[in-house]
Protein backbone atom coordinates (compact mmCIF):
# COMPACT_ATOMS: atom_id res chain seq x y z
CA MET A 1 -35.34 -9.05 14.43
CA PRO A 2 -31.96 -11.54 14.33
CA ALA A 3 -31.14 -12.70 17.39
CA ILE A 4 -29.29 -10.24 19.61
CA ARG A 5 -26.03 -11.39 20.79
CA ALA A 6 -24.04 -8.26 22.22
CA VAL A 7 -25.23 -5.43 24.34
CA ILE A 8 -23.24 -2.47 23.67
CA PHE A 9 -22.78 0.70 26.04
CA ASP A 10 -22.14 4.09 26.11
CA CYS A 11 -19.92 5.22 28.89
CA ASP A 12 -20.99 8.56 30.70
CA GLY A 13 -25.00 8.84 31.55
CA VAL A 14 -25.23 5.00 31.03
CA MET A 15 -22.81 3.71 32.88
CA PHE A 16 -21.96 6.48 35.05
CA ASP A 17 -23.49 9.29 36.41
CA SER A 18 -20.66 11.59 35.36
CA ARG A 19 -21.66 15.01 35.51
CA LYS A 20 -20.09 15.95 38.69
CA ALA A 21 -16.93 14.59 37.46
CA ASN A 22 -16.92 16.53 34.09
CA GLU A 23 -18.06 19.19 35.95
CA ALA A 24 -15.28 19.38 38.25
CA TYR A 25 -12.98 18.65 35.53
CA TYR A 26 -13.72 21.55 33.09
CA ASN A 27 -14.51 23.93 36.17
CA ARG A 28 -10.91 23.22 37.25
CA ILE A 29 -9.54 24.04 33.68
CA LEU A 30 -11.79 27.23 33.26
CA LYS A 31 -10.40 28.49 36.78
CA GLN A 32 -6.80 28.05 35.49
CA PHE A 33 -7.49 30.59 33.20
CA GLY A 34 -9.57 32.75 35.23
CA LEU A 35 -13.14 32.09 33.67
CA PRO A 36 -16.32 31.44 35.13
CA PRO A 37 -17.50 27.91 35.92
CA LEU A 38 -19.38 26.16 33.10
CA ASN A 39 -23.03 27.34 32.27
CA ALA A 40 -25.90 25.06 31.72
CA GLU A 41 -25.41 24.84 27.59
CA GLN A 42 -21.46 24.12 28.54
CA MET A 43 -22.25 21.14 30.72
CA GLY A 44 -24.66 19.85 28.15
CA TYR A 45 -21.92 19.81 25.26
CA VAL A 46 -18.78 18.54 27.20
CA HIS A 47 -20.82 15.89 28.75
CA GLN A 48 -21.31 14.26 25.50
CA SER A 49 -18.24 15.14 23.26
CA THR A 50 -14.89 14.22 23.21
CA ALA A 51 -12.11 16.13 25.33
CA ALA A 52 -10.64 17.60 22.38
CA GLN A 53 -14.38 18.66 21.50
CA ALA A 54 -14.86 20.20 24.55
CA LEU A 55 -11.54 22.28 25.14
CA ARG A 56 -12.19 23.72 21.56
CA MET A 57 -15.68 24.82 22.60
CA LEU A 58 -14.49 26.06 25.94
CA PHE A 59 -11.15 27.79 24.30
CA PRO A 60 -12.19 29.13 20.91
CA GLU A 61 -9.08 31.10 20.20
CA ASP A 62 -6.28 28.88 19.07
CA ALA A 63 -3.64 30.37 21.51
CA ASP A 64 -6.19 30.07 24.43
CA LEU A 65 -6.57 26.63 23.53
CA LYS A 66 -3.17 25.70 23.13
CA ARG A 67 -2.74 26.86 26.67
CA ALA A 68 -5.60 24.66 28.02
CA VAL A 69 -4.22 21.42 26.36
CA ASP A 70 -0.90 22.15 27.76
CA PHE A 71 -2.30 22.76 31.07
CA THR A 72 -4.74 19.64 30.88
CA LYS A 73 -1.19 17.51 29.86
CA LYS A 74 -0.43 17.86 33.33
CA LEU A 75 -3.76 17.97 35.48
CA THR A 76 -4.93 14.52 33.92
CA TYR A 77 -8.43 13.26 34.42
CA PHE A 78 -7.79 10.43 37.18
CA PRO A 79 -8.18 12.30 40.53
CA PHE A 80 -11.99 13.16 39.28
CA ILE A 81 -12.59 9.29 38.40
CA GLY A 82 -14.04 9.01 42.26
CA LEU A 83 -16.62 11.25 41.44
CA MET A 84 -18.02 9.09 38.93
CA GLU A 85 -21.10 7.07 40.23
CA PRO A 86 -22.12 3.75 38.79
CA GLU A 87 -25.66 3.35 37.32
CA PRO A 88 -27.58 0.95 39.67
CA HIS A 89 -27.51 -2.68 38.38
CA LEU A 90 -24.58 -2.25 36.30
CA LYS A 91 -22.28 -4.44 37.46
CA GLU A 92 -24.95 -6.92 38.00
CA LEU A 93 -26.17 -6.74 34.64
CA LEU A 94 -22.69 -7.23 32.76
CA LEU A 95 -22.52 -10.14 35.32
CA ARG A 96 -25.65 -11.81 34.42
CA LEU A 97 -25.09 -10.86 30.72
CA ARG A 98 -21.43 -12.86 30.22
CA PRO A 99 -20.71 -15.31 28.42
CA ARG A 100 -24.23 -15.77 26.72
CA TYR A 101 -24.03 -12.08 25.24
CA LYS A 102 -21.15 -10.33 24.10
CA THR A 103 -20.71 -6.82 25.93
CA ALA A 104 -18.68 -3.84 24.87
CA ILE A 105 -18.13 -0.29 25.18
CA SER A 106 -18.30 2.35 22.98
CA THR A 107 -17.74 6.14 23.79
CA ASN A 108 -16.17 9.56 23.11
CA ARG A 109 -14.01 9.30 25.83
CA SER A 110 -10.40 8.78 25.24
CA ASP A 111 -7.51 7.80 27.59
CA THR A 112 -9.55 7.69 30.62
CA MET A 113 -11.67 4.85 29.81
CA GLY A 114 -9.54 1.95 31.16
CA HIS A 115 -8.67 3.53 34.34
CA VAL A 116 -12.64 4.11 34.93
CA LEU A 117 -13.41 0.65 34.73
CA GLU A 118 -10.17 -0.57 37.02
CA ALA A 119 -11.49 2.25 39.69
CA HIS A 120 -14.80 1.12 39.47
CA GLY A 121 -13.84 -2.85 39.35
CA LEU A 122 -14.77 -3.33 36.18
CA SER A 123 -12.00 -4.47 34.01
CA GLY A 124 -12.29 -7.60 31.90
CA LEU A 125 -15.93 -7.52 31.75
CA PHE A 126 -16.04 -6.39 28.43
CA ASP A 127 -15.26 -8.22 25.11
CA CYS A 128 -13.91 -4.39 23.65
CA VAL A 129 -13.63 -0.99 24.38
CA VAL A 130 -14.05 1.49 21.73
CA THR A 131 -13.30 5.25 22.45
CA SER A 132 -12.53 8.15 20.52
CA LEU A 133 -8.63 7.34 20.08
CA ASP A 134 -9.57 4.09 18.40
CA VAL A 135 -11.41 5.49 15.30
CA PRO A 136 -10.95 8.49 12.80
CA ARG A 137 -14.46 10.23 13.79
CA PRO A 138 -16.09 9.56 17.17
CA LYS A 139 -19.55 9.77 17.70
CA PRO A 140 -22.32 10.93 16.32
CA HIS A 141 -20.29 9.56 13.55
CA PRO A 142 -20.69 5.54 13.43
CA ASP A 143 -17.01 4.89 13.19
CA PRO A 144 -17.02 4.11 17.11
CA LEU A 145 -20.06 1.54 16.95
CA LEU A 146 -18.63 0.06 13.57
CA LYS A 147 -15.28 -0.31 15.21
CA ALA A 148 -16.92 -2.49 18.11
CA LEU A 149 -18.99 -4.91 15.51
CA GLU A 150 -16.21 -5.32 13.70
CA LEU A 151 -14.32 -6.40 16.49
CA LEU A 152 -17.27 -8.45 18.36
CA CYS A 153 -17.65 -9.99 14.45
CA LEU A 154 -21.15 -9.27 14.44
CA GLU A 155 -23.62 -7.50 11.77
CA PRO A 156 -25.70 -4.75 13.17
CA GLU A 157 -28.83 -5.92 13.76
CA GLU A 158 -27.17 -9.00 16.17
CA ALA A 159 -26.13 -6.02 18.89
CA ILE A 160 -28.17 -3.11 20.84
CA TYR A 161 -26.87 0.01 21.52
CA ILE A 162 -27.37 2.03 24.65
CA GLY A 163 -26.75 5.93 24.74
CA ASP A 164 -28.58 8.86 26.43
CA SER A 165 -27.81 11.65 23.79
CA PRO A 166 -28.52 12.54 20.32
CA VAL A 167 -24.95 11.49 19.76
CA ASP A 168 -25.62 8.09 20.57
CA GLN A 169 -29.04 7.92 18.87
CA GLU A 170 -27.41 9.39 15.32
CA ALA A 171 -24.26 7.15 15.74
CA ALA A 172 -26.78 3.75 16.17
CA ALA A 173 -28.84 5.13 13.47
CA ALA A 174 -25.89 5.85 10.69
CA CYS A 175 -25.00 2.49 10.96
CA GLY A 176 -28.09 0.40 11.75
CA VAL A 177 -27.33 -0.62 15.10
CA PRO A 178 -30.97 -1.31 17.29
CA PHE A 179 -31.04 1.41 19.90
CA ALA A 180 -31.74 1.69 23.17
CA GLY A 181 -32.42 5.47 25.02
CA TYR A 182 -31.61 5.32 28.67
CA ALA A 183 -33.12 8.10 30.96
CA ASN A 184 -33.92 10.29 27.96
CA PRO A 185 -37.39 10.12 26.51
CA SER A 186 -36.70 12.68 23.98
CA LEU A 187 -34.38 10.40 22.15
CA SER A 188 -35.91 8.48 19.04
CA ALA A 189 -35.26 5.06 20.25
CA ARG A 190 -36.85 1.23 19.61
CA TRP A 191 -36.44 0.93 23.49
CA HIS A 192 -36.39 3.57 26.50
CA LEU A 193 -35.05 2.47 29.72
CA ASP A 194 -34.89 4.09 33.02
CA SER A 195 -33.12 1.35 34.47
CA LEU A 196 -30.41 -0.91 33.43
CA ALA A 197 -32.18 -3.74 35.24
CA GLN A 198 -34.76 -3.17 32.16
CA VAL A 199 -32.07 -4.52 29.73
CA ASP A 200 -32.90 -8.19 30.34
CA ASP A 201 -36.84 -7.38 29.22
CA ILE A 202 -35.15 -6.20 26.05
CA LEU A 203 -33.25 -9.36 25.33
CA ASN A 204 -36.39 -11.65 26.32
CA GLY A 205 -38.41 -9.73 23.76
CA LYS A 206 -40.70 -8.20 26.19
CA GLY A 207 -39.60 -4.71 25.35
CA ALA A 208 -39.19 -1.85 27.87
């Protein structure tokens, strides 16, 4: 295996525990239209999808979807960013990795990613950030990871991707990036991590 030169992170479920924030955001939208809160299946879907995909699932009828989209343009996600909890060791890991390793984000988030990094003091700690707005197709398609590799000027085997969901696993497999499954032992991954502190073990060739 070639030397690893970059670590690429998913956002939700890896860098942040964002379930409370996502739940509060989408429940606010559902409440606006007199619908019940997210059930477990819906929560699992919105947690790993793009905002557009989540709204389409929650509002399958075109007329309802249009009203929901119009409402979200006024609502914004920003008031919910404070509910996102950074994973332990995140900032320390990023500071430790750089500049020896390049760091990047590949996420299905859209226009909120920059605000999330700023709010949590992480701006400037990534060589590139690829969101669903930057590519033709979001994960599980490989487009976000391929875009990150292009921006980093690296081959797939020179990076690792840390993700927590099947869409992350599928995206990594589709473009040949070695995959580390985070806090999800059901994933098919080269490495399994319970803590971001274990990333050092991968880079040092000790496994995880």
